[in-house]
Amino acid sequence: MIPEPDNQLFIDLDGPVSVDEFCKRFASICSISCCAGLRVPFTEYQTSKSRNGNTHVVVTLCNDRETFASKVAYRAILGSDPYREIHNIRRRILGSPHPVVFFERAK
């Protein structure tokens, strides 16, 4: 179990279409932010496989002080599994010290 650090987003994608859509959305947010003169919210991402074969994406944020709500919004916009996000919110409401975690395959 790996808890989500303050300066990262843990995104769970459920298939190749989701991965392609994530890449488009990531690029769009960065482009729109630059064109509008806004701070780009993130700089890079890395992918890996989850225990069940889905794709996990770790996005590095430019700011390690994003609120829990803004991180939920970014994950949702970037295409994270909506049911996972619902459970992340539930765990936060219930007081979990680590409401967002990844379970990675052993390498």
N, C-alpha and C. Protein backbone atom coordinates (compact mmCIF):
# COMPACT_ATOMS: atom_id res chain seq x y z
N MET A 1 0.84 -1.18 0.00
CA MET A 1 0.00 0.00 0.00
C MET A 1 0.89 1.24 0.00
N ILE A 2 0.60 2.14 -0.95
CA ILE A 2 1.38 3.36 -1.07
C ILE A 2 0.43 4.56 -0.93
N PRO A 3 0.58 5.37 0.13
CA PRO A 3 -0.30 6.55 0.28
C PRO A 3 0.10 7.67 -0.68
N GLU A 4 -0.89 8.44 -1.12
CA GLU A 4 -0.66 9.56 -2.03
C GLU A 4 0.04 10.70 -1.29
N PRO A 5 1.24 11.12 -1.74
CA PRO A 5 1.91 12.27 -1.12
C PRO A 5 1.19 13.58 -1.46
N ASP A 6 1.49 14.63 -0.72
CA ASP A 6 0.86 15.94 -0.93
C ASP A 6 1.13 16.51 -2.32
N ASN A 7 2.28 16.18 -2.90
CA ASN A 7 2.65 16.77 -4.19
C ASN A 7 2.36 15.86 -5.39
N GLN A 8 1.49 14.87 -5.20
CA GLN A 8 1.16 13.96 -6.29
C GLN A 8 -0.33 13.67 -6.35
N LEU A 9 -0.76 13.21 -7.53
CA LEU A 9 -2.10 12.69 -7.72
C LEU A 9 -1.97 11.22 -8.11
N PHE A 10 -2.76 10.36 -7.49
CA PHE A 10 -2.81 8.95 -7.85
C PHE A 10 -4.08 8.73 -8.67
N ILE A 11 -3.90 8.39 -9.93
CA ILE A 11 -5.02 8.23 -10.85
C ILE A 11 -5.10 6.78 -11.31
N ASP A 12 -6.31 6.21 -11.23
CA ASP A 12 -6.56 4.83 -11.60
C ASP A 12 -7.34 4.81 -12.91
N LEU A 13 -6.72 4.28 -13.96
CA LEU A 13 -7.35 4.22 -15.29
C LEU A 13 -7.72 2.78 -15.61
N ASP A 14 -8.89 2.60 -16.23
CA ASP A 14 -9.43 1.27 -16.42
C ASP A 14 -9.39 0.73 -17.85
N GLY A 15 -8.43 1.11 -18.64
CA GLY A 15 -8.33 0.53 -19.97
C GLY A 15 -7.55 1.42 -20.92
N PRO A 16 -7.25 0.91 -22.12
CA PRO A 16 -6.44 1.67 -23.08
C PRO A 16 -7.12 2.98 -23.51
N VAL A 17 -8.44 2.98 -23.63
CA VAL A 17 -9.13 4.21 -23.99
C VAL A 17 -8.93 5.24 -22.89
N SER A 18 -8.99 4.81 -21.65
CA SER A 18 -8.79 5.72 -20.52
C SER A 18 -7.39 6.30 -20.54
N VAL A 19 -6.39 5.50 -20.89
CA VAL A 19 -5.01 5.99 -20.94
C VAL A 19 -4.89 7.06 -22.02
N ASP A 20 -5.44 6.80 -23.20
CA ASP A 20 -5.40 7.79 -24.28
C ASP A 20 -6.12 9.07 -23.88
N GLU A 21 -7.27 8.92 -23.25
CA GLU A 21 -8.04 10.08 -22.81
C GLU A 21 -7.28 10.86 -21.75
N PHE A 22 -6.62 10.16 -20.82
CA PHE A 22 -5.80 10.83 -19.81
C PHE A 22 -4.74 11.70 -20.48
N CYS A 23 -4.03 11.14 -21.44
CA CYS A 23 -2.95 11.89 -22.12
C CYS A 23 -3.49 13.15 -22.79
N LYS A 24 -4.64 13.05 -23.44
CA LYS A 24 -5.25 14.22 -24.08
C LYS A 24 -5.64 15.27 -23.05
N ARG A 25 -6.25 14.83 -21.96
CA ARG A 25 -6.69 15.76 -20.92
C ARG A 25 -5.51 16.43 -20.22
N PHE A 26 -4.46 15.67 -19.94
CA PHE A 26 -3.26 16.21 -19.31
C PHE A 26 -2.69 17.33 -20.18
N ALA A 27 -2.52 17.04 -21.48
CA ALA A 27 -1.97 18.03 -22.41
C ALA A 27 -2.88 19.25 -22.53
N SER A 28 -4.20 19.01 -22.56
CA SER A 28 -5.15 20.13 -22.69
C SER A 28 -5.09 21.06 -21.49
N ILE A 29 -5.06 20.49 -20.29
CA ILE A 29 -5.00 21.32 -19.08
C ILE A 29 -3.72 22.14 -19.07
N CYS A 30 -2.61 21.54 -19.41
CA CYS A 30 -1.34 22.28 -19.44
C CYS A 30 -1.38 23.39 -20.48
N SER A 31 -1.90 23.08 -21.67
CA SER A 31 -1.98 24.07 -22.75
C SER A 31 -2.91 25.22 -22.40
N ILE A 32 -4.10 24.90 -21.90
CA ILE A 32 -5.07 25.93 -21.55
C ILE A 32 -4.52 26.82 -20.44
N SER A 33 -3.86 26.22 -19.46
CA SER A 33 -3.29 27.00 -18.36
C SER A 33 -2.25 27.98 -18.88
N CYS A 34 -1.36 27.52 -19.76
CA CYS A 34 -0.31 28.38 -20.32
C CYS A 34 -0.92 29.51 -21.14
N CYS A 35 -1.87 29.17 -22.01
CA CYS A 35 -2.50 30.18 -22.88
C CYS A 35 -3.25 31.24 -22.08
N ALA A 36 -3.82 30.84 -20.97
CA ALA A 36 -4.60 31.78 -20.15
C ALA A 36 -3.73 32.53 -19.15
N GLY A 37 -2.43 32.25 -19.14
CA GLY A 37 -1.54 32.90 -18.20
C GLY A 37 -1.69 32.39 -16.78
N LEU A 38 -2.22 31.19 -16.64
CA LEU A 38 -2.41 30.59 -15.32
C LEU A 38 -1.25 29.66 -14.98
N ARG A 39 -1.13 29.36 -13.71
CA ARG A 39 -0.12 28.41 -13.26
C ARG A 39 -0.49 27.02 -13.77
N VAL A 40 0.47 26.34 -14.39
CA VAL A 40 0.24 24.95 -14.82
C VAL A 40 0.22 24.10 -13.55
N PRO A 41 -0.85 23.32 -13.33
CA PRO A 41 -0.99 22.62 -12.05
C PRO A 41 -0.06 21.42 -11.87
N PHE A 42 0.44 20.85 -12.97
CA PHE A 42 1.31 19.68 -12.84
C PHE A 42 2.35 19.68 -13.94
N THR A 43 3.40 18.89 -13.73
CA THR A 43 4.53 18.95 -14.63
C THR A 43 4.80 17.65 -15.38
N GLU A 44 4.54 16.52 -14.74
CA GLU A 44 4.90 15.24 -15.37
C GLU A 44 4.05 14.12 -14.79
N TYR A 45 4.14 12.96 -15.45
CA TYR A 45 3.44 11.79 -14.93
C TYR A 45 4.22 10.53 -15.28
N GLN A 46 3.96 9.48 -14.49
CA GLN A 46 4.54 8.16 -14.73
C GLN A 46 3.43 7.14 -14.62
N THR A 47 3.53 6.08 -15.40
CA THR A 47 2.51 5.03 -15.37
C THR A 47 3.09 3.72 -14.84
N SER A 48 2.21 2.90 -14.28
CA SER A 48 2.56 1.55 -13.84
C SER A 48 1.28 0.72 -13.87
N LYS A 49 1.41 -0.58 -13.64
CA LYS A 49 0.26 -1.46 -13.62
C LYS A 49 -0.18 -1.74 -12.19
N SER A 50 -1.51 -1.75 -11.99
CA SER A 50 -2.05 -2.09 -10.68
C SER A 50 -2.05 -3.60 -10.53
N ARG A 51 -2.42 -4.07 -9.34
CA ARG A 51 -2.48 -5.52 -9.09
C ARG A 51 -3.49 -6.20 -10.00
N ASN A 52 -4.57 -5.50 -10.38
CA ASN A 52 -5.59 -6.13 -11.22
C ASN A 52 -5.40 -5.84 -12.70
N GLY A 53 -4.28 -5.22 -13.07
CA GLY A 53 -3.97 -5.00 -14.48
C GLY A 53 -4.38 -3.66 -15.04
N ASN A 54 -5.04 -2.82 -14.25
CA ASN A 54 -5.36 -1.47 -14.72
C ASN A 54 -4.09 -0.63 -14.73
N THR A 55 -4.19 0.57 -15.24
CA THR A 55 -3.04 1.47 -15.28
C THR A 55 -3.14 2.47 -14.14
N HIS A 56 -2.06 2.60 -13.41
CA HIS A 56 -1.93 3.63 -12.38
C HIS A 56 -1.07 4.75 -12.95
N VAL A 57 -1.48 5.97 -12.71
CA VAL A 57 -0.71 7.13 -13.14
C VAL A 57 -0.41 7.97 -11.90
N VAL A 58 0.85 8.35 -11.76
CA VAL A 58 1.27 9.25 -10.69
C VAL A 58 1.63 10.58 -11.35
N VAL A 59 0.86 11.61 -11.03
CA VAL A 59 1.07 12.95 -11.58
C VAL A 59 1.75 13.80 -10.52
N THR A 60 2.83 14.47 -10.92
CA THR A 60 3.53 15.36 -10.00
C THR A 60 2.95 16.76 -10.10
N LEU A 61 2.50 17.27 -8.97
CA LEU A 61 1.92 18.61 -8.90
C LEU A 61 3.00 19.66 -8.73
N CYS A 62 2.73 20.87 -9.21
CA CYS A 62 3.66 21.99 -9.01
C CYS A 62 3.53 22.56 -7.61
N ASN A 63 2.41 22.28 -6.95
CA ASN A 63 2.12 22.85 -5.64
C ASN A 63 1.80 21.71 -4.68
N ASP A 64 2.47 21.64 -3.56
CA ASP A 64 2.18 20.57 -2.60
C ASP A 64 1.16 21.01 -1.56
N ARG A 65 0.45 22.10 -1.85
CA ARG A 65 -0.55 22.61 -0.91
C ARG A 65 -1.96 22.61 -1.50
N GLU A 66 -2.19 21.75 -2.49
CA GLU A 66 -3.53 21.63 -3.05
C GLU A 66 -4.46 21.06 -1.98
N THR A 67 -5.70 21.49 -1.97
CA THR A 67 -6.67 20.96 -1.03
C THR A 67 -7.10 19.56 -1.46
N PHE A 68 -7.67 18.82 -0.54
CA PHE A 68 -8.18 17.49 -0.88
C PHE A 68 -9.22 17.62 -2.01
N ALA A 69 -10.10 18.62 -1.91
CA ALA A 69 -11.15 18.81 -2.91
C ALA A 69 -10.57 19.11 -4.29
N SER A 70 -9.55 19.95 -4.37
CA SER A 70 -8.96 20.25 -5.68
C SER A 70 -8.26 19.03 -6.26
N LYS A 71 -7.66 18.22 -5.39
CA LYS A 71 -7.02 17.00 -5.88
C LYS A 71 -8.06 16.01 -6.40
N VAL A 72 -9.21 15.91 -5.74
CA VAL A 72 -10.30 15.06 -6.24
C VAL A 72 -10.74 15.57 -7.61
N ALA A 73 -10.89 16.88 -7.74
CA ALA A 73 -11.31 17.47 -9.02
C ALA A 73 -10.30 17.17 -10.12
N TYR A 74 -9.02 17.37 -9.86
CA TYR A 74 -8.00 17.06 -10.86
C TYR A 74 -8.04 15.59 -11.26
N ARG A 75 -8.13 14.69 -10.27
CA ARG A 75 -8.17 13.26 -10.59
C ARG A 75 -9.38 12.94 -11.46
N ALA A 76 -10.53 13.51 -11.12
CA ALA A 76 -11.76 13.25 -11.89
C ALA A 76 -11.63 13.80 -13.31
N ILE A 77 -11.14 15.01 -13.45
CA ILE A 77 -10.98 15.61 -14.78
C ILE A 77 -10.01 14.81 -15.64
N LEU A 78 -8.97 14.28 -15.01
CA LEU A 78 -7.97 13.52 -15.76
C LEU A 78 -8.41 12.09 -16.07
N GLY A 79 -9.58 11.67 -15.55
CA GLY A 79 -10.15 10.39 -15.94
C GLY A 79 -10.02 9.26 -14.95
N SER A 80 -9.69 9.56 -13.70
CA SER A 80 -9.59 8.50 -12.70
C SER A 80 -10.94 7.80 -12.53
N ASP A 81 -10.90 6.54 -12.17
CA ASP A 81 -12.10 5.74 -11.95
C ASP A 81 -13.03 6.47 -10.98
N PRO A 82 -14.26 6.80 -11.40
CA PRO A 82 -15.15 7.57 -10.52
C PRO A 82 -15.53 6.83 -9.24
N TYR A 83 -15.64 5.51 -9.30
CA TYR A 83 -15.97 4.76 -8.08
C TYR A 83 -14.81 4.81 -7.08
N ARG A 84 -13.61 4.79 -7.60
CA ARG A 84 -12.44 4.93 -6.72
C ARG A 84 -12.46 6.30 -6.04
N GLU A 85 -12.81 7.33 -6.79
CA GLU A 85 -12.86 8.68 -6.22
C GLU A 85 -13.94 8.78 -5.15
N ILE A 86 -15.09 8.13 -5.38
CA ILE A 86 -16.15 8.11 -4.36
C ILE A 86 -15.62 7.48 -3.07
N HIS A 87 -14.89 6.37 -3.22
CA HIS A 87 -14.34 5.70 -2.03
C HIS A 87 -13.24 6.53 -1.37
N ASN A 88 -12.46 7.26 -2.18
CA ASN A 88 -11.45 8.16 -1.60
C ASN A 88 -12.12 9.21 -0.73
N ILE A 89 -13.22 9.78 -1.22
CA ILE A 89 -13.95 10.79 -0.45
C ILE A 89 -14.53 10.16 0.82
N ARG A 90 -15.10 8.97 0.68
CA ARG A 90 -15.67 8.28 1.85
C ARG A 90 -14.60 8.04 2.91
N ARG A 91 -13.43 7.57 2.49
CA ARG A 91 -12.35 7.32 3.45
C ARG A 91 -11.92 8.62 4.13
N ARG A 92 -11.89 9.71 3.39
CA ARG A 92 -11.53 11.01 3.97
C ARG A 92 -12.55 11.43 5.02
N ILE A 93 -13.85 11.30 4.68
CA ILE A 93 -14.91 11.67 5.61
C ILE A 93 -14.83 10.83 6.89
N LEU A 94 -14.47 9.56 6.74
CA LEU A 94 -14.37 8.67 7.89
C LEU A 94 -13.08 8.86 8.69
N GLY A 95 -12.23 9.78 8.25
CA GLY A 95 -11.04 10.13 9.02
C GLY A 95 -9.80 9.31 8.74
N SER A 96 -9.77 8.61 7.61
CA SER A 96 -8.57 7.83 7.28
C SER A 96 -7.36 8.74 7.14
N PRO A 97 -6.21 8.35 7.71
CA PRO A 97 -5.01 9.17 7.54
C PRO A 97 -4.48 9.09 6.10
N HIS A 98 -4.89 8.06 5.36
CA HIS A 98 -4.46 7.88 3.96
C HIS A 98 -5.66 7.51 3.11
N PRO A 99 -6.49 8.51 2.76
CA PRO A 99 -7.70 8.19 2.00
C PRO A 99 -7.44 7.79 0.55
N VAL A 100 -6.27 8.15 0.02
CA VAL A 100 -5.93 7.83 -1.37
C VAL A 100 -4.67 6.99 -1.36
N VAL A 101 -4.79 5.76 -1.83
CA VAL A 101 -3.64 4.84 -1.86
C VAL A 101 -3.62 4.06 -3.17
N PHE A 102 -2.45 3.56 -3.50
CA PHE A 102 -2.29 2.61 -4.61
C PHE A 102 -1.84 1.28 -4.02
N PHE A 103 -2.30 0.22 -4.63
CA PHE A 103 -1.80 -1.13 -4.36
C PHE A 103 -1.09 -1.56 -5.63
N GLU A 104 0.22 -1.58 -5.60
CA GLU A 104 1.03 -1.89 -6.77
C GLU A 104 1.41 -3.36 -6.81
N ARG A 105 1.65 -3.85 -8.01
CA ARG A 105 2.18 -5.20 -8.19
C ARG A 105 3.62 -5.25 -7.68
N ALA A 106 4.00 -6.38 -7.14
CA ALA A 106 5.41 -6.58 -6.77
C ALA A 106 6.22 -6.63 -8.06
N LYS A 107 7.38 -6.00 -8.06
CA LYS A 107 8.21 -5.97 -9.27
C LYS A 107 9.20 -7.10 -9.31
